[in-house]
Amino acid sequence: MSYQVRLLARARHDLDDILTYISERSPRGAARLLASFEKTLTMLEKNPFLSPLAPETEELQEQLRHVMFRTRAGRTYRALFVVVGDEVRVLRVRGAGQPPVTSNEIEL
């Protein structure tokens, strides 16, 4: 089964903020991070259930999953998502050092 991956507005905004921050320091680094993120989305199209439940799942009472992706320098980012039918909805993108998401930061 193939899944359709949809990046929701808040996730797109998160990613834009992260890429803007990185591109101010290293445009090539931002391009590599975007490539890593796009590769991650391709993986989610194939099987999103390979990704574990996010720590926030219990508080949010949703099957919130997360998948990690990295910069070349090794900084870890994660995309938080839910699977609804044959659709993967990416809800948020979090950078290294950001606190866990709360229920009012998630829109399904």
PDB file of N, CA and C in Angstrom:
ATOM      1  N   MET A   1       0.844  -1.187   0.000  1.00  0.00           N
ATOM      2  CA  MET A   1       0.000   0.000   0.000  1.00  0.00           C
ATOM      3  C   MET A   1       0.882   1.242   0.000  1.00  0.00           C
ATOM      4  N   SER A   2       0.471   2.212  -0.749  1.00  0.00           N
ATOM      5  CA  SER A   2       1.181   3.479  -0.802  1.00  0.00           C
ATOM      6  C   SER A   2       0.349   4.533  -0.066  1.00  0.00           C
ATOM      7  N   TYR A   3       1.029   5.387   0.673  1.00  0.00           N
ATOM      8  CA  TYR A   3       0.364   6.438   1.439  1.00  0.00           C
ATOM      9  C   TYR A   3       0.625   7.791   0.800  1.00  0.00           C
ATOM     10  N   GLN A   4      -0.351   8.666   0.912  1.00  0.00           N
ATOM     11  CA  GLN A   4      -0.183  10.040   0.452  1.00  0.00           C
ATOM     12  C   GLN A   4       0.291  10.854   1.649  1.00  0.00           C
ATOM     13  N   VAL A   5       1.393  11.564   1.495  1.00  0.00           N
ATOM     14  CA  VAL A   5       1.938  12.377   2.579  1.00  0.00           C
ATOM     15  C   VAL A   5       1.515  13.819   2.356  1.00  0.00           C
ATOM     16  N   ARG A   6       0.923  14.392   3.401  1.00  0.00           N
ATOM     17  CA  ARG A   6       0.458  15.784   3.331  1.00  0.00           C
ATOM     18  C   ARG A   6       1.115  16.575   4.458  1.00  0.00           C
ATOM     19  N   LEU A   7       1.785  17.628   4.094  1.00  0.00           N
ATOM     20  CA  LEU A   7       2.438  18.509   5.053  1.00  0.00           C
ATOM     21  C   LEU A   7       1.442  19.602   5.434  1.00  0.00           C
ATOM     22  N   LEU A   8       0.973  19.581   6.677  1.00  0.00           N
ATOM     23  CA  LEU A   8       0.000  20.574   7.114  1.00  0.00           C
ATOM     24  C   LEU A   8       0.668  21.936   7.340  1.00  0.00           C
ATOM     25  N   ALA A   9      -0.143  22.971   7.416  1.00  0.00           N
ATOM     26  CA  ALA A   9       0.355  24.353   7.457  1.00  0.00           C
ATOM     27  C   ALA A   9       1.361  24.593   8.573  1.00  0.00           C
ATOM     28  N   ARG A  10       1.074  24.104   9.773  1.00  0.00           N
ATOM     29  CA  ARG A  10       2.000  24.342  10.887  1.00  0.00           C
ATOM     30  C   ARG A  10       3.339  23.656  10.650  1.00  0.00           C
ATOM     31  N   ALA A  11       3.309  22.472  10.088  1.00  0.00           N
ATOM     32  CA  ALA A  11       4.551  21.750   9.789  1.00  0.00           C
ATOM     33  C   ALA A  11       5.344  22.496   8.720  1.00  0.00           C
ATOM     34  N   ARG A  12       4.647  22.988   7.716  1.00  0.00           N
ATOM     35  CA  ARG A  12       5.310  23.748   6.646  1.00  0.00           C
ATOM     36  C   ARG A  12       5.955  25.010   7.226  1.00  0.00           C
ATOM     37  N   HIS A  13       5.250  25.663   8.128  1.00  0.00           N
ATOM     38  CA  HIS A  13       5.791  26.864   8.787  1.00  0.00           C
ATOM     39  C   HIS A  13       7.014  26.507   9.627  1.00  0.00           C
ATOM     40  N   ASP A  14       6.913  25.412  10.392  1.00  0.00           N
ATOM     41  CA  ASP A  14       8.061  24.957  11.188  1.00  0.00           C
ATOM     42  C   ASP A  14       9.278  24.731  10.301  1.00  0.00           C
ATOM     43  N   LEU A  15       9.067  23.998   9.209  1.00  0.00           N
ATOM     44  CA  LEU A  15      10.164  23.676   8.307  1.00  0.00           C
ATOM     45  C   LEU A  15      10.741  24.939   7.692  1.00  0.00           C
ATOM     46  N   ASP A  16       9.888  25.860   7.272  1.00  0.00           N
ATOM     47  CA  ASP A  16      10.366  27.122   6.702  1.00  0.00           C
ATOM     48  C   ASP A  16      11.227  27.889   7.705  1.00  0.00           C
ATOM     49  N   ASP A  17      10.790  27.937   8.961  1.00  0.00           N
ATOM     50  CA  ASP A  17      11.567  28.635   9.997  1.00  0.00           C
ATOM     51  C   ASP A  17      12.936  27.989  10.186  1.00  0.00           C
ATOM     52  N   ILE A  18      12.964  26.672  10.231  1.00  0.00           N
ATOM     53  CA  ILE A  18      14.226  25.949  10.415  1.00  0.00           C
ATOM     54  C   ILE A  18      15.151  26.199   9.229  1.00  0.00           C
ATOM     55  N   LEU A  19      14.604  26.085   8.021  1.00  0.00           N
ATOM     56  CA  LEU A  19      15.427  26.276   6.818  1.00  0.00           C
ATOM     57  C   LEU A  19      15.936  27.709   6.700  1.00  0.00           C
ATOM     58  N   THR A  20      15.111  28.677   7.077  1.00  0.00           N
ATOM     59  CA  THR A  20      15.542  30.080   7.056  1.00  0.00           C
ATOM     60  C   THR A  20      16.708  30.291   8.010  1.00  0.00           C
ATOM     61  N   TYR A  21      16.578  29.754   9.213  1.00  0.00           N
ATOM     62  CA  TYR A  21      17.636  29.885  10.220  1.00  0.00           C
ATOM     63  C   TYR A  21      18.941  29.269   9.707  1.00  0.00           C
ATOM     64  N   ILE A  22      18.856  28.068   9.170  1.00  0.00           N
ATOM     65  CA  ILE A  22      20.064  27.388   8.694  1.00  0.00           C
ATOM     66  C   ILE A  22      20.638  28.086   7.466  1.00  0.00           C
ATOM     67  N   SER A  23      19.779  28.520   6.554  1.00  0.00           N
ATOM     68  CA  SER A  23      20.279  29.133   5.312  1.00  0.00           C
ATOM     69  C   SER A  23      21.019  30.442   5.572  1.00  0.00           C
ATOM     70  N   GLU A  24      20.695  31.131   6.657  1.00  0.00           N
ATOM     71  CA  GLU A  24      21.420  32.352   7.008  1.00  0.00           C
ATOM     72  C   GLU A  24      22.870  32.042   7.368  1.00  0.00           C
ATOM     73  N   ARG A  25      23.127  30.821   7.794  1.00  0.00           N
ATOM     74  CA  ARG A  25      24.463  30.395   8.184  1.00  0.00           C
ATOM     75  C   ARG A  25      25.129  29.541   7.105  1.00  0.00           C
ATOM     76  N   SER A  26      24.310  28.743   6.425  1.00  0.00           N
ATOM     77  CA  SER A  26      24.842  27.843   5.404  1.00  0.00           C
ATOM     78  C   SER A  26      23.745  27.490   4.396  1.00  0.00           C
ATOM     79  N   PRO A  27      23.679  28.183   3.285  1.00  0.00           N
ATOM     80  CA  PRO A  27      22.667  27.858   2.277  1.00  0.00           C
ATOM     81  C   PRO A  27      22.753  26.402   1.806  1.00  0.00           C
ATOM     82  N   ARG A  28      23.971  25.905   1.653  1.00  0.00           N
ATOM     83  CA  ARG A  28      24.121  24.498   1.249  1.00  0.00           C
ATOM     84  C   ARG A  28      23.629  23.561   2.346  1.00  0.00           C
ATOM     85  N   GLY A  29      23.853  23.934   3.595  1.00  0.00           N
ATOM     86  CA  GLY A  29      23.368  23.121   4.709  1.00  0.00           C
ATOM     87  C   GLY A  29      21.845  23.052   4.718  1.00  0.00           C
ATOM     88  N   ALA A  30      21.202  24.172   4.425  1.00  0.00           N
ATOM     89  CA  ALA A  30      19.734  24.201   4.365  1.00  0.00           C
ATOM     90  C   ALA A  30      19.239  23.319   3.225  1.00  0.00           C
ATOM     91  N   ALA A  31      19.909  23.369   2.090  1.00  0.00           N
ATOM     92  CA  ALA A  31      19.514  22.537   0.949  1.00  0.00           C
ATOM     93  C   ALA A  31      19.670  21.060   1.288  1.00  0.00           C
ATOM     94  N   ARG A  32      20.746  20.712   1.985  1.00  0.00           N
ATOM     95  CA  ARG A  32      20.953  19.306   2.372  1.00  0.00           C
ATOM     96  C   ARG A  32      19.894  18.856   3.382  1.00  0.00           C
ATOM     97  N   LEU A  33      19.532  19.751   4.313  1.00  0.00           N
ATOM     98  CA  LEU A  33      18.493  19.382   5.278  1.00  0.00           C
ATOM     99  C   LEU A  33      17.165  19.170   4.566  1.00  0.00           C
ATOM    100  N   LEU A  34      16.838  20.026   3.625  1.00  0.00           N
ATOM    101  CA  LEU A  34      15.602  19.864   2.869  1.00  0.00           C
ATOM    102  C   LEU A  34      15.614  18.541   2.100  1.00  0.00           C
ATOM    103  N   ALA A  35      16.745  18.190   1.518  1.00  0.00           N
ATOM    104  CA  ALA A  35      16.860  16.905   0.812  1.00  0.00           C
ATOM    105  C   ALA A  35      16.657  15.739   1.774  1.00  0.00           C
ATOM    106  N   SER A  36      17.205  15.845   2.977  1.00  0.00           N
ATOM    107  CA  SER A  36      17.027  14.805   3.985  1.00  0.00           C
ATOM    108  C   SER A  36      15.562  14.687   4.385  1.00  0.00           C
ATOM    109  N   PHE A  37      14.894  15.823   4.533  1.00  0.00           N
ATOM    110  CA  PHE A  37      13.476  15.827   4.888  1.00  0.00           C
ATOM    111  C   PHE A  37      12.648  15.195   3.775  1.00  0.00           C
ATOM    112  N   GLU A  38      12.937  15.555   2.531  1.00  0.00           N
ATOM    113  CA  GLU A  38      12.193  14.987   1.405  1.00  0.00           C
ATOM    114  C   GLU A  38      12.402  13.474   1.303  1.00  0.00           C
ATOM    115  N   LYS A  39      13.603  13.015   1.591  1.00  0.00           N
ATOM    116  CA  LYS A  39      13.879  11.571   1.606  1.00  0.00           C
ATOM    117  C   LYS A  39      13.050  10.890   2.704  1.00  0.00           C
ATOM    118  N   THR A  40      12.913  11.565   3.830  1.00  0.00           N
ATOM    119  CA  THR A  40      12.104  11.044   4.936  1.00  0.00           C
ATOM    120  C   THR A  40      10.639  10.938   4.515  1.00  0.00           C
ATOM    121  N   LEU A  41      10.130  11.943   3.819  1.00  0.00           N
ATOM    122  CA  LEU A  41       8.742  11.902   3.358  1.00  0.00           C
ATOM    123  C   LEU A  41       8.520  10.741   2.391  1.00  0.00           C
ATOM    124  N   THR A  42       9.493  10.470   1.543  1.00  0.00           N
ATOM    125  CA  THR A  42       9.397   9.340   0.613  1.00  0.00           C
ATOM    126  C   THR A  42       9.301   8.030   1.382  1.00  0.00           C
ATOM    127  N   MET A  43      10.066   7.925   2.456  1.00  0.00           N
ATOM    128  CA  MET A  43      10.003   6.731   3.299  1.00  0.00           C
ATOM    129  C   MET A  43       8.618   6.590   3.926  1.00  0.00           C
ATOM    130  N   LEU A  44       8.022   7.704   4.337  1.00  0.00           N
ATOM    131  CA  LEU A  44       6.688   7.654   4.940  1.00  0.00           C
ATOM    132  C   LEU A  44       5.630   7.211   3.932  1.00  0.00           C
ATOM    133  N   GLU A  45       5.834   7.523   2.661  1.00  0.00           N
ATOM    134  CA  GLU A  45       4.895   7.083   1.626  1.00  0.00           C
ATOM    135  C   GLU A  45       4.835   5.561   1.553  1.00  0.00           C
ATOM    136  N   LYS A  46       5.941   4.924   1.832  1.00  0.00           N
ATOM    137  CA  LYS A  46       6.031   3.468   1.704  1.00  0.00           C
ATOM    138  C   LYS A  46       5.483   2.749   2.932  1.00  0.00           C
ATOM    139  N   ASN A  47       5.903   3.173   4.123  1.00  0.00           N
ATOM    140  CA  ASN A  47       5.413   2.521   5.336  1.00  0.00           C
ATOM    141  C   ASN A  47       5.611   3.415   6.555  1.00  0.00           C
ATOM    142  N   PRO A  48       4.624   4.230   6.876  1.00  0.00           N
ATOM    143  CA  PRO A  48       4.755   5.128   8.024  1.00  0.00           C
ATOM    144  C   PRO A  48       4.774   4.396   9.365  1.00  0.00           C
ATOM    145  N   PHE A  49       4.310   3.152   9.374  1.00  0.00           N
ATOM    146  CA  PHE A  49       4.227   2.419  10.631  1.00  0.00           C
ATOM    147  C   PHE A  49       5.578   1.867  11.085  1.00  0.00           C
ATOM    148  N   LEU A  50       6.615   2.056  10.280  1.00  0.00           N
ATOM    149  CA  LEU A  50       7.959   1.703  10.725  1.00  0.00           C
ATOM    150  C   LEU A  50       8.470   2.709  11.753  1.00  0.00           C
ATOM    151  N   SER A  51       7.866   3.884  11.767  1.00  0.00           N
ATOM    152  CA  SER A  51       8.260   4.929  12.705  1.00  0.00           C
ATOM    153  C   SER A  51       7.569   4.700  14.046  1.00  0.00           C
ATOM    154  N   PRO A  52       8.300   4.922  15.141  1.00  0.00           N
ATOM    155  CA  PRO A  52       7.723   4.672  16.465  1.00  0.00           C
ATOM    156  C   PRO A  52       6.720   5.753  16.880  1.00  0.00           C
ATOM    157  N   LEU A  53       5.968   5.425  17.913  1.00  0.00           N
ATOM    158  CA  LEU A  53       5.084   6.416  18.518  1.00  0.00           C
ATOM    159  C   LEU A  53       5.936   7.487  19.177  1.00  0.00           C
ATOM    160  N   ALA A  54       5.492   8.715  19.082  1.00  0.00           N
ATOM    161  CA  ALA A  54       6.200   9.845  19.699  1.00  0.00           C
ATOM    162  C   ALA A  54       5.928   9.841  21.199  1.00  0.00           C
ATOM    163  N   PRO A  55       6.862  10.363  21.989  1.00  0.00           N
ATOM    164  CA  PRO A  55       6.647  10.437  23.431  1.00  0.00           C
ATOM    165  C   PRO A  55       5.375  11.200  23.810  1.00  0.00           C
ATOM    166  N   GLU A  56       4.952  12.134  22.987  1.00  0.00           N
ATOM    167  CA  GLU A  56       3.765  12.942  23.268  1.00  0.00           C
ATOM    168  C   GLU A  56       2.457  12.178  23.098  1.00  0.00           C
ATOM    169  N   THR A  57       2.509  10.973  22.561  1.00  0.00           N
ATOM    170  CA  THR A  57       1.301  10.204  22.259  1.00  0.00           C
ATOM    171  C   THR A  57       0.398  10.047  23.468  1.00  0.00           C
ATOM    172  N   GLU A  58       0.978   9.719  24.601  1.00  0.00           N
ATOM    173  CA  GLU A  58       0.169   9.471  25.797  1.00  0.00           C
ATOM    174  C   GLU A  58      -0.603  10.722  26.223  1.00  0.00           C
ATOM    175  N   GLU A  59       0.065  11.862  26.228  1.00  0.00           N
ATOM    176  CA  GLU A  59      -0.599  13.110  26.637  1.00  0.00           C
ATOM    177  C   GLU A  59      -1.682  13.511  25.641  1.00  0.00           C
ATOM    178  N   LEU A  60      -1.408  13.336  24.362  1.00  0.00           N
ATOM    179  CA  LEU A  60      -2.338  13.784  23.338  1.00  0.00           C
ATOM    180  C   LEU A  60      -3.445  12.785  23.056  1.00  0.00           C
ATOM    181  N   GLN A  61      -3.262  11.552  23.479  1.00  0.00           N
ATOM    182  CA  GLN A  61      -4.222  10.476  23.257  1.00  0.00           C
ATOM    183  C   GLN A  61      -4.524  10.298  21.772  1.00  0.00           C
ATOM    184  N   GLU A  62      -3.494  10.414  20.969  1.00  0.00           N
ATOM    185  CA  GLU A  62      -3.544  10.179  19.530  1.00  0.00           C
ATOM    186  C   GLU A  62      -2.384   9.255  19.192  1.00  0.00           C
ATOM    187  N   GLN A  63      -2.488   8.552  18.096  1.00  0.00           N
ATOM    188  CA  GLN A  63      -1.395   7.716  17.635  1.00  0.00           C
ATOM    189  C   GLN A  63      -0.378   8.586  16.903  1.00  0.00           C
ATOM    190  N   LEU A  64       0.227   9.492  17.651  1.00  0.00           N
ATOM    191  CA  LEU A  64       1.209  10.419  17.103  1.00  0.00           C
ATOM    192  C   LEU A  64       2.536   9.693  16.942  1.00  0.00           C
ATOM    193  N   ARG A  65       3.063   9.713  15.743  1.00  0.00           N
ATOM    194  CA  ARG A  65       4.339   9.063  15.454  1.00  0.00           C
ATOM    195  C   ARG A  65       5.359  10.128  15.098  1.00  0.00           C
ATOM    196  N   HIS A  66       6.628   9.722  15.139  1.00  0.00           N
ATOM    197  CA  HIS A  66       7.668  10.657  14.729  1.00  0.00           C
ATOM    198  C   HIS A  66       8.752   9.923  13.959  1.00  0.00           C
ATOM    199  N   VAL A  67       9.366  10.671  13.077  1.00  0.00           N
ATOM    200  CA  VAL A  67      10.469  10.144  12.288  1.00  0.00           C
ATOM    201  C   VAL A  67      11.588  11.173  12.343  1.00  0.00           C
ATOM    202  N   MET A  68      12.804  10.667  12.522  1.00  0.00           N
ATOM    203  CA  MET A  68      13.968  11.542  12.647  1.00  0.00           C
ATOM    204  C   MET A  68      14.631  11.745  11.291  1.00  0.00           C
ATOM    205  N   PHE A  69      15.198  12.927  11.123  1.00  0.00           N
ATOM    206  CA  PHE A  69      16.070  13.199   9.985  1.00  0.00           C
ATOM    207  C   PHE A  69      17.163  14.130  10.482  1.00  0.00           C
ATOM    208  N   ARG A  70      18.290  14.129   9.804  1.00  0.00           N
ATOM    209  CA  ARG A  70      19.470  14.819  10.324  1.00  0.00           C
ATOM    210  C   ARG A  70      20.121  15.752   9.308  1.00  0.00           C
ATOM    211  N   THR A  71      20.872  16.699   9.868  1.00  0.00           N
ATOM    212  CA  THR A  71      21.747  17.511   9.038  1.00  0.00           C
ATOM    213  C   THR A  71      23.043  16.730   8.850  1.00  0.00           C
ATOM    214  N   ARG A  72      23.835  17.183   7.932  1.00  0.00           N
ATOM    215  CA  ARG A  72      25.133  16.540   7.720  1.00  0.00           C
ATOM    216  C   ARG A  72      26.002  16.666   8.971  1.00  0.00           C
ATOM    217  N   ALA A  73      25.827  17.761   9.708  1.00  0.00           N
ATOM    218  CA  ALA A  73      26.592  17.977  10.941  1.00  0.00           C
ATOM    219  C   ALA A  73      26.073  17.113  12.093  1.00  0.00           C
ATOM    220  N   GLY A  74      24.977  16.402  11.866  1.00  0.00           N
ATOM    221  CA  GLY A  74      24.472  15.485  12.885  1.00  0.00           C
ATOM    222  C   GLY A  74      23.358  16.019  13.759  1.00  0.00           C
ATOM    223  N   ARG A  75      22.881  17.233  13.525  1.00  0.00           N
ATOM    224  CA  ARG A  75      21.756  17.747  14.308  1.00  0.00           C
ATOM    225  C   ARG A  75      20.498  16.985  13.904  1.00  0.00           C
ATOM    226  N   THR A  76      19.757  16.569  14.909  1.00  0.00           N
ATOM    227  CA  THR A  76      18.571  15.752  14.662  1.00  0.00           C
ATOM    228  C   THR A  76      17.307  16.589  14.705  1.00  0.00           C
ATOM    229  N   TYR A  77      16.451  16.366  13.732  1.00  0.00           N
ATOM    230  CA  TYR A  77      15.139  16.978  13.655  1.00  0.00           C
ATOM    231  C   TYR A  77      14.123  15.862  13.593  1.00  0.00           C
ATOM    232  N   ARG A  78      12.885  16.175  13.889  1.00  0.00           N
ATOM    233  CA  ARG A  78      11.861  15.142  13.788  1.00  0.00           C
ATOM    234  C   ARG A  78      10.572  15.709  13.230  1.00  0.00           C
ATOM    235  N   ALA A  79       9.919  14.881  12.457  1.00  0.00           N
ATOM    236  CA  ALA A  79       8.612  15.210  11.898  1.00  0.00           C
ATOM    237  C   ALA A  79       7.584  14.404  12.680  1.00  0.00           C
ATOM    238  N   LEU A  80       6.574  15.082  13.188  1.00  0.00           N
ATOM    239  CA  LEU A  80       5.503  14.442  13.945  1.00  0.00           C
ATOM    240  C   LEU A  80       4.308  14.274  13.029  1.00  0.00           C
ATOM    241  N   PHE A  81       3.731  13.085  13.020  1.00  0.00           N
ATOM    242  CA  PHE A  81       2.658  12.809  12.070  1.00  0.00           C
ATOM    243  C   PHE A  81       1.649  11.814  12.620  1.00  0.00           C
ATOM    244  N   VAL A  82       0.493  11.776  11.986  1.00  0.00           N
ATOM    245  CA  VAL A  82      -0.532  10.773  12.246  1.00  0.00           C
ATOM    246  C   VAL A  82      -0.886  10.128  10.913  1.00  0.00           C
ATOM    247  N   VAL A  83      -1.393   8.913  10.994  1.00  0.00           N
ATOM    248  CA  VAL A  83      -1.852   8.212   9.802  1.00  0.00           C
ATOM    249  C   VAL A  83      -3.370   8.129   9.881  1.00  0.00           C
ATOM    250  N   VAL A  84      -4.034   8.647   8.867  1.00  0.00           N
ATOM    251  CA  VAL A  84      -5.488   8.636   8.788  1.00  0.00           C
ATOM    252  C   VAL A  84      -5.858   7.969   7.464  1.00  0.00           C
ATOM    253  N   GLY A  85      -6.318   6.733   7.545  1.00  0.00           N
ATOM    254  CA  GLY A  85      -6.615   5.986   6.325  1.00  0.00           C
ATOM    255  C   GLY A  85      -5.351   5.766   5.525  1.00  0.00           C
ATOM    256  N   ASP A  86      -5.349   6.235   4.288  1.00  0.00           N
ATOM    257  CA  ASP A  86      -4.163   6.091   3.446  1.00  0.00           C
ATOM    258  C   ASP A  86      -3.380   7.400   3.342  1.00  0.00           C
ATOM    259  N   GLU A  87      -3.603   8.288   4.318  1.00  0.00           N
ATOM    260  CA  GLU A  87      -2.931   9.580   4.319  1.00  0.00           C
ATOM    261  C   GLU A  87      -2.052   9.733   5.554  1.00  0.00           C
ATOM    262  N   VAL A  88      -0.833  10.218   5.326  1.00  0.00           N
ATOM    263  CA  VAL A  88       0.084  10.571   6.409  1.00  0.00           C
ATOM    264  C   VAL A  88       0.037  12.087   6.521  1.00  0.00           C
ATOM    265  N   ARG A  89      -0.377  12.570   7.685  1.00  0.00           N
ATOM    266  CA  ARG A  89      -0.466  14.013   7.914  1.00  0.00           C
ATOM    267  C   ARG A  89       0.685  14.444   8.807  1.00  0.00           C
ATOM    268  N   VAL A  90       1.614  15.181   8.229  1.00  0.00           N
ATOM    269  CA  VAL A  90       2.735  15.711   9.002  1.00  0.00           C
ATOM    270  C   VAL A  90       2.225  16.960   9.706  1.00  0.00           C
ATOM    271  N   LEU A  91       2.220  16.906  11.040  1.00  0.00           N
ATOM    272  CA  LEU A  91       1.607  17.964  11.842  1.00  0.00           C
ATOM    273  C   LEU A  91       2.597  19.045  12.265  1.00  0.00           C
ATOM    274  N   ARG A  92       3.792  18.629  12.639  1.00  0.00           N
ATOM    275  CA  ARG A  92       4.804  19.567  13.124  1.00  0.00           C
ATOM    276  C   ARG A  92       6.184  19.045  12.743  1.00  0.00           C
ATOM    277  N   VAL A  93       7.144  19.960  12.696  1.00  0.00           N
ATOM    278  CA  VAL A  93       8.550  19.615  12.523  1.00  0.00           C
ATOM    279  C   VAL A  93       9.286  20.296  13.665  1.00  0.00           C
ATOM    280  N   ARG A  94      10.049  19.525  14.405  1.00  0.00           N
ATOM    281  CA  ARG A  94      10.731  20.058  15.586  1.00  0.00           C
ATOM    282  C   ARG A  94      12.234  19.992  15.389  1.00  0.00           C
ATOM    283  N   GLY A  95      12.894  21.050  15.835  1.00  0.00           N
ATOM    284  CA  GLY A  95      14.342  21.106  15.771  1.00  0.00           C
ATOM    285  C   GLY A  95      14.965  20.588  17.048  1.00  0.00           C
ATOM    286  N   ALA A  96      16.250  20.390  16.979  1.00  0.00           N
ATOM    287  CA  ALA A  96      17.003  19.927  18.141  1.00  0.00           C
ATOM    288  C   ALA A  96      16.837  20.926  19.286  1.00  0.00           C
ATOM    289  N   GLY A  97      16.572  20.419  20.453  1.00  0.00           N
ATOM    290  CA  GLY A  97      16.446  21.272  21.627  1.00  0.00           C
ATOM    291  C   GLY A  97      15.083  21.883  21.848  1.00  0.00           C
ATOM    292  N   GLN A  98      14.162  21.710  20.907  1.00  0.00           N
ATOM    293  CA  GLN A  98      12.817  22.245  21.121  1.00  0.00           C
ATOM    294  C   GLN A  98      12.051  21.324  22.075  1.00  0.00           C
ATOM    295  N   PRO A  99      11.193  21.890  22.902  1.00  0.00           N
ATOM    296  CA  PRO A  99      10.432  21.055  23.835  1.00  0.00           C
ATOM    297  C   PRO A  99       9.404  20.194  23.102  1.00  0.00           C
ATOM    298  N   PRO A 100       8.914  19.152  23.766  1.00  0.00           N
ATOM    299  CA  PRO A 100       7.855  18.325  23.159  1.00  0.00           C
ATOM    300  C   PRO A 100       6.630  19.185  22.842  1.00  0.00           C
ATOM    301  N   VAL A 101       5.867  18.750  21.848  1.00  0.00           N
ATOM    302  CA  VAL A 101       4.654  19.481  21.507  1.00  0.00           C
ATOM    303  C   VAL A 101       3.581  19.236  22.551  1.00  0.00           C
ATOM    304  N   THR A 102       2.662  20.183  22.667  1.00  0.00           N
ATOM    305  CA  THR A 102       1.543  20.048  23.575  1.00  0.00           C
ATOM    306  C   THR A 102       0.258  19.937  22.743  1.00  0.00           C
ATOM    307  N   SER A 103      -0.823  19.600  23.398  1.00  0.00           N
ATOM    308  CA  SER A 103      -2.081  19.384  22.673  1.00  0.00           C
ATOM    309  C   SER A 103      -2.546  20.636  21.931  1.00  0.00           C
ATOM    310  N   ASN A 104      -2.271  21.829  22.467  1.00  0.00           N
ATOM    311  CA  ASN A 104      -2.708  23.040  21.759  1.00  0.00           C
ATOM    312  C   ASN A 104      -1.782  23.424  20.604  1.00  0.00           C
ATOM    313  N   GLU A 105      -0.702  22.680  20.398  1.00  0.00           N
ATOM    314  CA  GLU A 105       0.195  22.908  19.262  1.00  0.00           C
ATOM    315  C   GLU A 105      -0.072  21.937  18.119  1.00  0.00           C
ATOM    316  N   ILE A 106      -1.048  21.059  18.305  1.00  0.00           N
ATOM    317  CA  ILE A 106      -1.363  20.031  17.316  1.00  0.00           C
ATOM    318  C   ILE A 106      -2.773  20.235  16.798  1.00  0.00           C
ATOM    319  N   GLU A 107      -2.882  20.285  15.485  1.00  0.00           N
ATOM    320  CA  GLU A 107      -4.201  20.317  14.833  1.00  0.00           C
ATOM    321  C   GLU A 107      -4.283  19.126  13.906  1.00  0.00           C
ATOM    322  N   LEU A 108      -5.254  18.276  14.108  1.00  0.00           N
ATOM    323  CA  LEU A 108      -5.406  17.112  13.246  1.00  0.00           C
ATOM    324  C   LEU A 108      -6.239  17.504  12.068  1.00  0.00           C
TER     325      LEU A 108
END
